[in-house]
Amino acid sequence: MKSNITLKLDAALLREIRILAAEEGTSISAMLAARLEQILRERKSYDRSRRRALARLREGMNLSWTPPRSRDELYER
């Protein structure tokens, strides 16, 4: 189900958007709907990636590193 919304746009902006929509062979409504859907997809993708990255940070990484037992071992070459 689709719902209607009302936008208030500057007359010059509206004129340019109408021209752009006509050049692309679409309507202003379809252009706005497509762009809003794209914004939501990008946001969801970002949020998913962020959650995965934070989970990896919480888990940490096993670098298989052990600290040297003494200062002498640290500077041994």
Protein backbone atom coordinates (compact mmCIF):
# COMPACT_ATOMS: atom_id res chain seq x y z
CA MET A 1 0.00 0.00 0.00
CA LYS A 2 1.34 3.42 -0.90
CA SER A 3 0.61 6.68 0.88
CA ASN A 4 0.78 10.24 -0.33
CA ILE A 5 2.97 12.93 1.19
CA THR A 6 3.21 16.67 0.64
CA LEU A 7 6.49 18.45 -0.03
CA LYS A 8 7.18 22.15 -0.04
CA LEU A 9 9.89 23.01 -2.54
CA ASP A 10 11.24 26.22 -3.94
CA ALA A 11 9.70 26.95 -7.38
CA ALA A 12 13.10 27.02 -9.11
CA LEU A 13 14.09 23.70 -7.55
CA LEU A 14 10.80 22.12 -8.53
CA ARG A 15 11.24 23.30 -12.13
CA GLU A 16 14.73 21.75 -12.31
CA ILE A 17 13.51 18.50 -10.76
CA ARG A 18 10.67 18.29 -13.29
CA ILE A 19 13.17 18.74 -16.12
CA LEU A 20 15.48 16.09 -14.63
CA ALA A 21 12.62 13.63 -14.20
CA ALA A 22 11.47 14.22 -17.79
CA GLU A 23 15.02 13.68 -19.09
CA GLU A 24 15.21 10.40 -17.22
CA GLY A 25 11.74 9.37 -18.35
CA THR A 26 10.37 9.02 -14.84
CA SER A 27 8.27 10.94 -12.36
CA ILE A 28 9.40 13.03 -9.42
CA SER A 29 7.60 10.58 -7.15
CA ALA A 30 9.48 7.61 -8.61
CA MET A 31 12.81 9.47 -8.36
CA LEU A 32 12.22 10.33 -4.72
CA ALA A 33 11.03 6.83 -3.85
CA ALA A 34 14.11 5.27 -5.49
CA ARG A 35 16.48 7.66 -3.71
CA LEU A 36 14.83 7.11 -0.33
CA GLU A 37 15.03 3.34 -0.79
CA GLN A 38 18.73 3.70 -1.67
CA ILE A 39 19.35 5.75 1.48
CA LEU A 40 17.67 3.08 3.61
CA ARG A 41 19.66 0.25 1.96
CA GLU A 42 22.92 2.13 2.52
CA ARG A 43 22.01 2.82 6.15
CA LYS A 44 21.11 -0.82 6.81
CA SER A 45 24.31 -2.00 5.11
CA TYR A 46 26.36 0.46 7.17
CA ASP A 47 24.65 -0.61 10.40
CA ARG A 48 25.22 -4.30 9.60
CA SER A 49 28.89 -3.68 8.81
CA ARG A 50 29.34 -1.62 11.95
CA ARG A 51 27.82 -4.33 14.15
CA ARG A 52 30.09 -6.97 12.57
CA ALA A 53 33.17 -4.79 13.03
CA LEU A 54 32.33 -4.06 16.67
CA ALA A 55 31.73 -7.77 17.32
CA ARG A 56 35.16 -8.57 15.85
CA LEU A 57 36.75 -5.91 18.03
CA ARG A 58 35.09 -7.34 21.14
CA GLU A 59 36.31 -10.84 20.27
CA GLY A 60 39.84 -9.60 19.66
CA MET A 61 42.49 -11.32 17.60
CA ASN A 62 44.90 -14.02 18.60
CA LEU A 63 48.28 -12.75 17.44
CA SER A 64 50.15 -15.64 19.08
CA TRP A 65 52.48 -13.19 20.73
CA THR A 66 54.07 -13.76 24.09
CA PRO A 67 56.01 -11.05 25.84
CA PRO A 68 59.75 -11.65 26.34
CA ARG A 69 60.66 -13.03 29.74
CA SER A 70 63.31 -10.43 30.43
CA ARG A 71 64.80 -7.18 29.20
CA ASP A 72 67.84 -9.08 27.92
CA GLU A 73 65.67 -11.29 25.72
CA LEU A 74 63.92 -8.22 24.38
CA TYR A 75 67.15 -6.72 23.05
CA GLU A 76 68.68 -10.01 21.93
CA ARG A 77 69.22 -10.05 18.18
